[in-house]
Amino acid sequence: MSDHMQNEDHFEQLLCQLAEGSIDPVGMKTLETYLLDHPDRQKYYLEHMRLNSALNKLGQGHEDAPELSTIPRQPKKFYGLSVLAMSGYVLACLLLIGFFLIRQPVGEEFVAVHPDLSAAKIVAGRHAVFHDAPSSKLIGSQLQLGKDYVLQAGMAKLVFPSGAEAIVNAPAVFQIANDNELIINLGNCSVYAPDGAEGFRVMTPTGRIIDLGTRFSVVVAEDGASDVAVVDGEAEVTDLNGEQTQTLTAGEIVQLDTDLQLKAITEKTSEENYVREIPDHVISYSATTDATDRAVELSTLNVQRGGVARTYDRGDFILGSVNHHVSKNMSGVVPADSPRDTYNHFGPMNLAFISGFINPGGQKKHHQGQLVLGRNGTQGMNVVFDKPVVNSAGPDIIFFDLQVVTHPPEGDPFHLYPRTQISGARPITVTEYDIDGRSDYAMTISGFRLTPLSNSFADDGSPLPIIERSQVVHKIPCRAHAVGIDLDDMGIPAGESVTGLFIQDAADDENFVDPVVIVGLPPVK
């Protein structure tokens, strides 16, 4: 007998042992090995789940069990089992399927063996907040067929097996009908179907849109009324009853109202609601951690630049130095276990979230005139980079803010002034973070002590701490928010650079921005 036939016999013997409840841990491990990366065995394995349907008819004892699809296959053998053993078999099958799906190695191509899973995936998101699952768990994972996905904030990008893409904007409720059909019951959806993806469908409460090779948007209101706008190519729009069909070309917009009538819209442009790509942003970051798994130092950054996710590590970062810090509430932070007399000095910044100057002074509107450095200079903090940061695709500088969890989750707004000789360079106000308190990508940071700063100064100009008030470990959890700064927004031409930044709090409330880590990125090659 060949090794292959022996393996197949052993595989079926283990299935039988599993059904009878006599399988041991070694057998379970072997069965898992037989199933992983073997689609034929997985299909054969799933075929036996049809027993669940038979058991329902016998006993009506599993009315809440999911409906299971079957995969046609000529049976190899049949083992006579009692109804009780068959019940155990089905239950064990369900458990083991979940087990080997969970064990699927990260980064490898997923083999869709679960009958309720689509091959469609959420591949990216920005500020995405889902009702019943962390966005970090959904992004990159396959979506369940027929499940309502409720996007409460932000946007998410879906990709289908054909190559069709859909960007969904919140608030939105959507489902995956099958690998070639998206159901939008609420929200804004922008579809791109490249060559080969023609025929992709979008269903709404009032009708159906079939892609004919195009870009189009669908906006669905709470009552189900749907606006369809074609940006490029063509799309076929049909009402829910199938009584009216219209082929739209670039620039045309129709509404499928609740009366199921197609009505032309002329007062809007087709591009008005179309999103071509999720904006470049900080996707995630990683950090070294302490014994309690809290972040200590920045390790890597995952940043979308020019529409492409790119990863940077410590060796890529352009660090800065602080040479000015003026505020009515001057403070710093130092590690909780640092010596009693530790304080922050002017000079090189590091990658620690628990060390640095915080609470730079500020004002509501942008500063007019020259920024003055020195003890009696302009309120704020000045950072000089180790080398110029060049304006390239997407975010060029990543700014981290230490944020107490009891403060607004949106984070603290701040002003940024580019340090450059370029004519036309301008300050910006940052009011939104890529990773804020609502994101499960924001890491809780390690313990630190607050160090209130005095009106006395060290020889290098650094404000000295009030030592007797600097010994209490901060007990309220804090998280590290992150935002990418695109030098385009500051009027810096592509290929030009800045040598530093001047930072001011936006003085919008009693809370101050805490810029503990700031790094520049190398230009995109």
Protein backbone atom coordinates (compact mmCIF):
# COMPACT_ATOMS: atom_id res chain seq x y z
CA MET A 1 0.00 0.00 0.00
CA SER A 2 1.39 3.45 -0.91
CA ASP A 3 2.13 6.10 1.72
CA HIS A 4 -0.68 8.21 0.28
CA MET A 5 -3.25 5.44 0.68
CA GLN A 6 -2.02 4.70 4.18
CA ASN A 7 -2.42 8.38 5.09
CA GLU A 8 -5.94 8.44 3.66
CA ASP A 9 -6.92 5.34 5.63
CA HIS A 10 -5.40 6.78 8.79
CA PHE A 11 -7.23 10.06 8.17
CA GLU A 12 -10.59 8.26 7.95
CA GLN A 13 -9.79 6.14 11.01
CA LEU A 14 -9.12 9.31 12.98
CA LEU A 15 -12.45 10.76 11.82
CA CYS A 16 -14.16 7.62 13.08
CA GLN A 17 -12.34 7.85 16.42
CA LEU A 18 -13.34 11.49 16.68
CA ALA A 19 -17.01 10.56 16.17
CA GLU A 20 -16.84 7.79 18.78
CA GLY A 21 -15.08 10.00 21.31
CA SER A 22 -12.08 7.70 21.53
CA ILE A 23 -9.52 9.95 19.88
CA ASP A 24 -6.54 10.92 22.06
CA PRO A 25 -4.51 14.20 22.01
CA VAL A 26 -1.92 12.70 19.67
CA GLY A 27 -4.68 11.67 17.28
CA MET A 28 -6.22 15.14 17.42
CA LYS A 29 -2.88 16.69 16.54
CA THR A 30 -2.40 14.24 13.67
CA LEU A 31 -5.91 14.92 12.36
CA GLU A 32 -5.22 18.65 12.45
CA THR A 33 -2.04 18.06 10.44
CA TYR A 34 -3.96 16.02 7.86
CA LEU A 35 -6.48 18.87 7.45
CA LEU A 36 -4.13 21.85 7.25
CA ASP A 37 -3.17 22.78 3.68
CA HIS A 38 -5.17 19.85 2.18
CA PRO A 39 -8.31 21.28 0.50
CA ASP A 40 -9.50 17.83 -0.68
CA ARG A 41 -9.51 16.45 2.85
CA GLN A 42 -11.14 19.63 4.11
CA LYS A 43 -13.93 19.22 1.55
CA TYR A 44 -14.39 15.57 2.47
CA TYR A 45 -14.44 16.58 6.12
CA LEU A 46 -17.12 19.21 5.49
CA GLU A 47 -19.24 16.76 3.52
CA HIS A 48 -19.97 14.85 6.69
CA MET A 49 -21.51 17.96 8.21
CA ARG A 50 -24.62 17.11 6.19
CA LEU A 51 -25.28 14.69 9.07
CA ASN A 52 -26.34 17.70 11.07
CA SER A 53 -29.32 18.18 8.78
CA ALA A 54 -30.25 14.52 9.13
CA LEU A 55 -30.06 14.74 12.91
CA ASN A 56 -32.35 17.77 12.87
CA LYS A 57 -34.99 15.67 11.12
CA LEU A 58 -34.53 12.83 13.59
CA GLY A 59 -34.75 14.73 16.81
CA GLN A 60 -35.61 18.39 16.16
CA GLY A 61 -33.09 19.03 18.89
CA HIS A 62 -30.86 21.46 17.05
CA GLU A 63 -33.20 24.07 15.65
CA ASP A 64 -30.65 26.84 16.20
CA ALA A 65 -27.85 25.12 14.28
CA PRO A 66 -26.61 27.02 11.21
CA GLU A 67 -27.69 25.94 7.76
CA LEU A 68 -24.75 24.14 6.20
CA SER A 69 -23.90 23.85 2.54
CA THR A 70 -22.52 20.63 1.11
CA ILE A 71 -19.74 19.93 -1.33
CA PRO A 72 -20.51 17.10 -3.82
CA ARG A 73 -18.07 14.21 -3.65
CA GLN A 74 -18.21 10.48 -4.16
CA PRO A 75 -18.08 8.89 -0.70
CA LYS A 76 -15.05 6.76 0.01
CA LYS A 77 -16.37 4.74 2.95
CA PHE A 78 -19.27 4.82 5.33
CA TYR A 79 -18.95 3.93 8.96
CA GLY A 80 -22.15 2.85 10.66
CA LEU A 81 -22.73 5.08 13.67
CA SER A 82 -25.41 5.38 16.28
CA VAL A 83 -27.43 8.57 16.41
CA LEU A 84 -25.59 9.53 19.59
CA ALA A 85 -22.23 8.93 17.95
CA MET A 86 -23.37 10.88 14.89
CA SER A 87 -24.30 13.81 17.12
CA GLY A 88 -20.91 13.73 18.73
CA TYR A 89 -19.32 13.51 15.32
CA VAL A 90 -21.04 16.64 14.04
CA LEU A 91 -20.20 18.59 17.18
CA ALA A 92 -16.58 17.49 17.03
CA CYS A 93 -16.43 18.45 13.36
CA LEU A 94 -17.63 21.94 14.14
CA LEU A 95 -15.12 22.33 16.95
CA LEU A 96 -12.20 21.01 14.96
CA ILE A 97 -13.02 23.14 11.94
CA GLY A 98 -12.86 26.21 14.14
CA PHE A 99 -9.62 24.89 15.61
CA PHE A 100 -7.74 24.44 12.38
CA LEU A 101 -9.09 27.72 10.97
CA ILE A 102 -7.74 29.57 14.00
CA ARG A 103 -4.41 27.80 13.56
CA GLN A 104 -4.07 28.99 9.95
CA PRO A 105 -0.58 30.61 9.82
CA VAL A 106 -0.59 34.42 9.67
CA GLY A 107 0.44 35.78 6.30
CA GLU A 108 -0.36 32.62 4.30
CA GLU A 109 -3.13 32.45 1.70
CA PHE A 110 -6.38 31.55 3.42
CA VAL A 111 -8.20 28.45 2.22
CA ALA A 112 -11.94 29.14 2.44
CA VAL A 113 -13.36 25.98 3.99
CA HIS A 114 -16.04 27.51 6.19
CA PRO A 115 -19.35 27.54 4.31
CA ASP A 116 -20.32 30.93 5.77
CA LEU A 117 -17.13 32.76 4.78
CA SER A 118 -16.68 34.84 1.68
CA ALA A 119 -13.34 35.32 -0.06
CA ALA A 120 -13.99 39.08 0.16
CA LYS A 121 -11.84 40.90 2.69
CA ILE A 122 -11.50 44.26 4.37
CA VAL A 123 -7.95 45.21 3.38
CA ALA A 124 -7.67 48.72 4.82
CA GLY A 125 -9.45 51.27 6.95
CA ARG A 126 -9.11 54.75 8.34
CA HIS A 127 -10.72 55.74 11.63
CA ALA A 128 -12.84 52.63 11.11
CA VAL A 129 -15.04 51.81 14.10
CA PHE A 130 -17.29 48.76 13.76
CA HIS A 131 -20.23 48.03 16.02
CA ASP A 132 -19.32 44.55 17.17
CA ALA A 133 -15.63 43.97 16.46
CA PRO A 134 -12.30 45.84 16.70
CA SER A 135 -11.21 47.09 13.29
CA SER A 136 -7.78 45.51 13.82
CA LYS A 137 -9.47 42.10 13.97
CA LEU A 138 -11.56 42.66 10.84
CA ILE A 139 -8.91 44.19 8.60
CA GLY A 140 -7.23 41.43 6.64
CA SER A 141 -9.81 38.82 7.57
CA GLN A 142 -12.48 37.19 5.44
CA LEU A 143 -16.04 38.40 5.86
CA GLN A 144 -19.06 36.29 6.75
CA LEU A 145 -21.78 35.87 4.18
CA GLY A 146 -25.07 37.52 5.09
CA LYS A 147 -23.76 39.20 8.24
CA ASP A 148 -24.61 42.84 8.93
CA TYR A 149 -21.40 44.84 9.26
CA VAL A 150 -22.12 48.16 10.96
CA LEU A 151 -19.48 50.82 10.30
CA GLN A 152 -20.07 53.52 12.90
CA ALA A 153 -17.17 55.81 11.99
CA GLY A 154 -14.45 56.17 9.38
CA MET A 155 -14.06 54.22 6.18
CA ALA A 156 -13.15 50.69 5.12
CA LYS A 157 -11.87 49.25 1.85
CA LEU A 158 -13.17 45.88 0.65
CA VAL A 159 -11.60 43.74 -2.07
CA PHE A 160 -13.40 40.90 -3.85
CA PRO A 161 -11.91 37.86 -5.65
CA SER A 162 -12.57 39.40 -9.08
CA GLY A 163 -10.46 42.43 -8.17
CA ALA A 164 -13.46 44.68 -7.59
CA GLU A 165 -12.93 47.20 -4.81
CA ALA A 166 -15.43 49.05 -2.65
CA ILE A 167 -14.72 51.85 -0.18
CA VAL A 168 -17.51 52.20 2.38
CA ASN A 169 -17.98 55.42 4.38
CA ALA A 170 -19.71 55.58 7.75
CA PRO A 171 -22.36 55.52 8.91
CA ALA A 172 -22.97 52.37 6.92
CA VAL A 173 -24.55 48.93 7.12
CA PHE A 174 -23.43 46.36 4.56
CA GLN A 175 -23.40 42.62 3.86
CA ILE A 176 -21.50 40.27 1.59
CA ALA A 177 -24.11 38.38 -0.45
CA ASN A 178 -21.52 36.30 -2.30
CA ASP A 179 -18.03 36.68 -3.72
CA ASN A 180 -19.33 38.96 -6.45
CA GLU A 181 -22.12 40.89 -4.73
CA LEU A 182 -22.19 43.58 -2.05
CA ILE A 183 -25.37 44.65 -0.25
CA ILE A 184 -25.49 48.26 0.98
CA ASN A 185 -28.43 49.03 3.25
CA LEU A 186 -27.09 52.38 4.48
CA GLY A 187 -24.15 54.60 3.67
CA ASN A 188 -21.83 55.73 0.92
CA CYS A 189 -20.06 53.14 -1.22
CA SER A 190 -17.50 53.86 -3.95
CA VAL A 191 -16.86 50.99 -6.37
CA TYR A 192 -13.96 50.41 -8.73
CA ALA A 193 -14.11 47.41 -11.05
CA PRO A 194 -10.94 46.91 -13.12
CA ASP A 195 -10.76 44.79 -16.25
CA GLY A 196 -11.95 41.31 -15.42
CA ALA A 197 -14.31 42.45 -12.68
CA GLU A 198 -17.20 43.38 -14.96
CA GLY A 199 -20.49 42.05 -13.65
CA PHE A 200 -19.82 42.94 -10.03
CA ARG A 201 -23.14 43.78 -8.34
CA VAL A 202 -24.28 46.13 -5.61
CA MET A 203 -27.73 45.62 -4.09
CA THR A 204 -29.62 48.34 -2.22
CA PRO A 205 -33.09 48.27 -0.61
CA THR A 206 -34.55 49.76 -3.78
CA GLY A 207 -32.60 48.16 -6.60
CA ARG A 208 -29.51 46.61 -8.16
CA ILE A 209 -26.43 48.05 -9.86
CA ILE A 210 -24.35 45.87 -12.20
CA ASP A 211 -20.90 47.08 -13.09
CA LEU A 212 -20.01 47.13 -16.78
CA GLY A 213 -16.39 48.17 -16.24
CA THR A 214 -16.45 51.42 -14.34
CA ARG A 215 -16.21 53.57 -11.26
CA PHE A 216 -19.46 54.47 -9.58
CA SER A 217 -20.81 55.55 -6.21
CA VAL A 218 -23.94 54.48 -4.37
CA VAL A 219 -25.40 56.54 -1.53
CA VAL A 220 -28.18 54.83 0.46
CA ALA A 221 -30.37 56.81 2.86
CA GLU A 222 -32.03 55.37 5.97
CA ASP A 223 -35.32 54.93 4.12
CA GLY A 224 -33.57 52.92 1.40
CA ALA A 225 -33.58 55.58 -1.32
CA SER A 226 -30.39 55.20 -3.36
CA ASP A 227 -28.42 57.62 -5.53
CA VAL A 228 -26.19 56.02 -8.18
CA ALA A 229 -23.52 58.11 -9.92
CA VAL A 230 -21.17 56.83 -12.63
CA VAL A 231 -17.72 58.43 -12.68
CA ASP A 232 -16.09 56.35 -15.44
CA GLY A 233 -17.38 53.67 -17.80
CA GLU A 234 -20.90 52.28 -17.51
CA ALA A 235 -23.23 50.68 -14.99
CA GLU A 236 -26.66 49.09 -15.33
CA VAL A 237 -29.27 50.17 -12.78
CA THR A 238 -32.47 48.17 -12.20
CA ASP A 239 -35.27 48.82 -9.73
CA LEU A 240 -36.15 46.25 -7.07
CA ASN A 241 -39.05 44.78 -9.05
CA GLY A 242 -37.02 44.50 -12.24
CA GLU A 243 -39.47 46.66 -14.17
CA GLN A 244 -37.08 49.48 -15.11
CA THR A 245 -33.48 49.23 -16.27
CA GLN A 246 -31.19 52.04 -17.32
CA THR A 247 -27.55 52.01 -18.43
CA LEU A 248 -25.65 54.97 -17.02
CA THR A 249 -22.50 56.40 -18.56
CA ALA A 250 -19.84 58.69 -17.11
CA GLY A 251 -21.33 61.79 -15.49
CA GLU A 252 -24.88 60.45 -15.19
CA ILE A 253 -26.72 60.16 -11.85
CA VAL A 254 -30.07 58.55 -11.03
CA GLN A 255 -32.06 58.06 -7.87
CA LEU A 256 -33.86 54.84 -7.00
CA ASP A 257 -36.47 56.28 -4.67
CA THR A 258 -38.73 54.36 -2.29
CA ASP A 259 -41.46 54.39 -4.97
CA LEU A 260 -39.02 52.24 -7.02
CA GLN A 261 -38.93 54.81 -9.82
CA LEU A 262 -35.70 55.78 -11.59
CA LYS A 263 -35.24 59.56 -11.61
CA ALA A 264 -32.41 61.51 -13.21
CA ILE A 265 -30.43 63.88 -10.96
CA THR A 266 -28.89 66.93 -12.62
CA GLU A 267 -28.00 69.22 -9.72
CA LYS A 268 -25.06 67.09 -8.51
CA THR A 269 -21.77 66.02 -10.05
CA SER A 270 -20.87 62.34 -10.37
CA GLU A 271 -17.58 62.87 -8.49
CA GLU A 272 -19.29 64.47 -5.49
CA ASN A 273 -19.59 61.31 -3.40
CA TYR A 274 -16.91 59.17 -5.02
CA VAL A 275 -13.83 58.22 -2.96
CA ARG A 276 -10.97 57.01 -5.14
CA GLU A 277 -8.69 55.88 -2.34
CA ILE A 278 -8.42 55.86 1.43
CA PRO A 279 -6.24 58.89 2.31
CA ASP A 280 -2.65 58.23 3.28
CA HIS A 281 -2.30 57.83 7.04
CA VAL A 282 -0.58 56.10 9.93
CA ILE A 283 -1.98 52.57 9.94
CA SER A 284 -0.39 51.21 13.12
CA TYR A 285 2.76 51.18 15.21
CA SER A 286 4.56 48.76 17.49
CA ALA A 287 6.64 49.35 20.60
CA THR A 288 8.87 47.65 23.09
CA THR A 289 6.84 46.80 26.17
CA ASP A 290 7.27 46.42 29.91
CA ALA A 291 6.35 43.41 32.05
CA THR A 292 2.68 44.43 31.90
CA ASP A 293 2.69 44.70 28.08
CA ARG A 294 2.51 48.51 28.11
CA ALA A 295 4.39 50.50 25.46
CA VAL A 296 7.81 51.91 26.32
CA GLU A 297 9.63 52.85 23.09
CA LEU A 298 8.50 53.14 19.48
CA SER A 299 9.82 50.22 17.39
CA THR A 300 8.09 50.22 14.00
CA LEU A 301 5.60 52.23 11.99
CA ASN A 302 3.14 51.01 9.36
CA VAL A 303 2.23 54.01 7.20
CA GLN A 304 0.23 54.31 3.99
CA ARG A 305 2.21 56.60 1.66
CA GLY A 306 1.18 57.11 -1.93
CA GLY A 307 -1.56 54.52 -1.49
CA VAL A 308 0.90 51.81 -0.45
CA ALA A 309 1.38 50.44 3.07
CA ARG A 310 5.04 50.77 4.06
CA THR A 311 6.84 49.64 7.20
CA TYR A 312 9.62 51.60 8.91
CA ASP A 313 11.80 50.63 11.85
CA ARG A 314 14.13 52.46 14.21
CA GLY A 315 16.94 52.68 11.67
CA ASP A 316 14.70 54.60 9.27
CA PHE A 317 13.53 57.30 11.68
CA ILE A 318 14.86 60.86 11.50
CA LEU A 319 15.02 62.07 15.10
CA GLY A 320 14.99 65.62 16.41
CA SER A 321 16.33 67.76 19.22
CA VAL A 322 14.47 70.19 21.47
CA ASN A 323 16.04 73.63 21.97
CA HIS A 324 13.04 75.66 23.14
CA HIS A 325 10.14 74.99 25.49
CA VAL A 326 8.04 77.84 26.88
CA SER A 327 4.64 77.47 28.54
CA LYS A 328 2.59 78.71 31.46
CA ASN A 329 2.31 75.08 32.50
CA MET A 330 5.77 73.71 31.70
CA SER A 331 6.10 70.01 32.46
CA GLY A 332 7.91 66.88 31.44
CA VAL A 333 7.59 63.15 31.92
CA VAL A 334 10.25 60.66 33.02
CA PRO A 335 10.11 56.86 33.46
CA ALA A 336 8.47 55.76 36.70
CA ASP A 337 11.57 53.91 37.88
CA SER A 338 14.11 56.60 36.96
CA PRO A 339 16.28 58.21 39.69
CA ARG A 340 14.67 60.82 41.91
CA ASP A 341 16.48 63.78 40.31
CA THR A 342 15.84 62.78 36.66
CA TYR A 343 14.51 65.53 34.41
CA ASN A 344 14.28 66.40 30.71
CA HIS A 345 17.14 68.24 29.05
CA PHE A 346 17.30 70.26 25.87
CA GLY A 347 18.95 68.17 23.20
CA PRO A 348 18.23 64.91 21.35
CA MET A 349 14.76 63.41 21.62
CA ASN A 350 14.41 59.64 21.89
CA LEU A 351 11.72 57.11 21.01
CA ALA A 352 10.37 56.67 24.55
CA PHE A 353 6.71 57.49 25.11
CA ILE A 354 7.50 58.03 28.81
CA SER A 355 10.23 60.65 28.47
CA GLY A 356 10.06 64.17 27.10
CA PHE A 357 8.71 67.69 27.38
CA ILE A 358 4.92 68.07 27.43
CA ASN A 359 2.38 70.90 27.63
CA PRO A 360 3.97 73.39 25.21
CA GLY A 361 2.33 76.79 25.34
CA GLY A 362 0.05 77.97 22.59
CA GLN A 363 -2.71 80.20 21.34
CA LYS A 364 -6.02 79.90 19.55
CA LYS A 365 -4.91 81.36 16.22
CA HIS A 366 -1.68 80.98 14.31
CA HIS A 367 1.20 83.11 15.53
CA GLN A 368 1.84 86.13 13.36
CA GLY A 369 5.38 87.33 12.76
CA GLN A 370 8.70 85.79 13.71
CA LEU A 371 8.95 82.88 16.12
CA VAL A 372 11.30 83.91 18.92
CA LEU A 373 13.36 81.30 20.78
CA GLY A 374 14.65 81.66 24.34
CA ARG A 375 13.32 81.89 27.89
CA ASN A 376 11.14 84.88 27.08
CA GLY A 377 10.36 83.76 23.55
CA THR A 378 7.22 82.55 21.79
CA GLN A 379 5.02 80.11 23.67
CA GLY A 380 5.60 76.61 22.31
CA MET A 381 8.29 74.02 21.61
CA ASN A 382 10.93 73.99 18.87
CA VAL A 383 12.30 70.78 17.34
CA VAL A 384 15.31 70.61 14.99
CA PHE A 385 15.71 67.40 12.97
CA ASP A 386 19.03 65.57 12.73
CA LYS A 387 18.78 66.00 8.96
CA PRO A 388 16.20 67.69 6.73
CA VAL A 389 12.92 65.86 6.20
CA VAL A 390 12.06 65.76 2.49
CA ASN A 391 8.52 66.14 1.21
CA SER A 392 7.60 62.85 -0.44
CA ALA A 393 4.40 60.87 -1.00
CA GLY A 394 2.00 60.83 1.95
CA PRO A 395 2.96 61.56 5.57
CA ASP A 396 6.56 62.74 6.01
CA ILE A 397 6.56 63.25 9.79
CA ILE A 398 4.84 61.14 12.46
CA PHE A 399 3.71 62.96 15.61
CA PHE A 400 2.77 61.14 18.83
CA ASP A 401 0.67 62.68 21.60
CA LEU A 402 0.45 61.24 25.11
CA GLN A 403 -3.25 61.26 25.99
CA VAL A 404 -4.88 60.46 29.34
CA VAL A 405 -7.81 58.07 28.78
CA THR A 406 -10.20 60.36 30.67
CA HIS A 407 -9.53 63.21 28.23
CA PRO A 408 -11.39 63.56 24.91
CA PRO A 409 -10.64 60.51 22.72
CA GLU A 410 -10.19 62.73 19.67
CA GLY A 411 -6.90 64.00 21.12
CA ASP A 412 -5.49 67.49 21.59
CA PRO A 413 -5.40 69.90 18.60
CA PHE A 414 -2.14 71.72 17.91
CA HIS A 415 -0.46 74.16 15.52
CA LEU A 416 2.62 73.23 13.49
CA TYR A 417 4.98 75.75 11.88
CA PRO A 418 7.50 74.47 9.29
CA ARG A 419 11.10 75.55 9.84
CA THR A 420 12.26 76.32 6.32
CA GLN A 421 13.34 79.15 4.04
CA ILE A 422 10.87 78.17 1.34
CA SER A 423 8.60 80.99 0.24
CA GLY A 424 4.94 80.12 0.65
CA ALA A 425 5.46 77.70 3.54
CA ARG A 426 2.60 78.01 6.00
CA PRO A 427 1.49 76.70 9.41
CA ILE A 428 -1.28 74.15 9.85
CA THR A 429 -3.63 73.19 12.66
CA VAL A 430 -4.00 69.47 13.32
CA THR A 431 -7.40 68.59 14.78
CA GLU A 432 -7.64 64.90 13.90
CA TYR A 433 -5.34 61.96 14.64
CA ASP A 434 -4.95 58.87 12.48
CA ILE A 435 -4.79 56.73 15.63
CA ASP A 436 -6.80 58.23 18.48
CA GLY A 437 -8.52 57.08 21.65
CA ARG A 438 -11.25 55.29 19.69
CA SER A 439 -8.74 53.13 17.85
CA ASP A 440 -7.66 49.74 19.13
CA TYR A 441 -4.27 50.43 17.53
CA ALA A 442 -3.50 53.05 20.22
CA MET A 443 -1.21 51.45 22.80
CA THR A 444 -1.37 52.06 26.54
CA ILE A 445 2.01 53.38 27.66
CA SER A 446 4.19 52.33 30.57
CA GLY A 447 4.39 54.08 33.93
CA PHE A 448 5.88 57.56 34.26
CA ARG A 449 6.24 60.48 36.65
CA LEU A 450 5.16 64.03 35.90
CA THR A 451 7.90 66.61 36.46
CA PRO A 452 6.58 70.16 36.91
CA LEU A 453 9.21 72.62 35.68
CA SER A 454 10.37 75.68 37.60
CA ASN A 455 11.55 79.15 36.62
CA SER A 456 15.15 78.08 37.18
CA PHE A 457 17.30 76.86 34.32
CA ALA A 458 20.26 74.57 33.76
CA ASP A 459 23.41 75.74 31.98
CA ASP A 460 22.08 74.39 28.67
CA GLY A 461 18.89 76.42 29.07
CA SER A 462 16.71 73.49 30.10
CA PRO A 463 14.05 74.40 32.68
CA LEU A 464 14.78 72.64 35.97
CA PRO A 465 12.15 70.47 37.67
CA ILE A 466 10.55 70.98 41.04
CA ILE A 467 12.06 67.79 42.48
CA GLU A 468 9.83 67.50 45.54
CA ARG A 469 6.76 67.51 43.28
CA SER A 470 8.19 65.02 40.78
CA GLN A 471 8.09 61.75 42.74
CA VAL A 472 4.52 60.50 42.27
CA VAL A 473 3.91 57.88 39.60
CA HIS A 474 1.02 58.88 37.33
CA LYS A 475 -1.78 56.39 37.96
CA ILE A 476 -4.31 57.26 35.24
CA PRO A 477 -3.76 55.13 32.10
CA CYS A 478 -2.47 56.99 29.06
CA ARG A 479 -2.36 56.01 25.41
CA ALA A 480 -0.13 57.12 22.54
CA HIS A 481 -2.09 58.78 19.74
CA ALA A 482 -0.43 59.19 16.33
CA VAL A 483 -0.91 61.37 13.26
CA GLY A 484 0.96 61.64 9.99
CA ILE A 485 2.01 65.12 8.84
CA ASP A 486 2.13 65.63 5.08
CA LEU A 487 4.46 68.51 4.16
CA ASP A 488 2.21 69.19 1.16
CA ASP A 489 -0.26 70.67 3.63
CA MET A 490 2.39 73.15 4.78
CA GLY A 491 3.05 74.39 1.26
CA ILE A 492 6.36 72.53 0.89
CA PRO A 493 6.92 71.50 -2.75
CA ALA A 494 7.69 67.86 -3.55
CA GLY A 495 11.40 67.19 -3.11
CA GLU A 496 11.92 70.22 -0.85
CA SER A 497 12.44 69.87 2.89
CA VAL A 498 12.06 71.27 6.39
CA THR A 499 14.77 71.41 9.04
CA GLY A 500 12.39 71.35 11.99
CA LEU A 501 9.00 72.18 13.47
CA PHE A 502 7.64 74.69 15.95
CA ILE A 503 4.75 73.26 17.99
CA GLN A 504 2.00 75.13 19.81
CA ASP A 505 -1.05 73.87 21.64
CA ALA A 506 -4.24 75.11 19.95
CA ALA A 507 -5.57 76.43 23.29
CA ASP A 508 -9.00 75.00 22.63
CA ASP A 509 -9.52 73.79 26.23
CA GLU A 510 -7.66 73.22 29.51
CA ASN A 511 -5.77 70.21 28.11
CA PHE A 512 -2.41 70.53 26.35
CA VAL A 513 -0.81 68.49 23.60
CA ASP A 514 2.04 66.24 24.81
CA PRO A 515 4.47 65.64 21.89
CA VAL A 516 6.56 62.87 23.45
CA VAL A 517 7.78 61.28 20.17
CA ILE A 518 8.29 62.95 16.78
CA VAL A 519 10.05 61.24 13.87
CA GLY A 520 10.69 62.11 10.26
CA LEU A 521 10.49 59.48 7.52
CA PRO A 522 12.85 58.96 4.58
CA PRO A 523 11.47 59.88 1.15
CA VAL A 524 9.61 57.20 -0.78
CA LYS A 525 11.85 55.62 -3.40
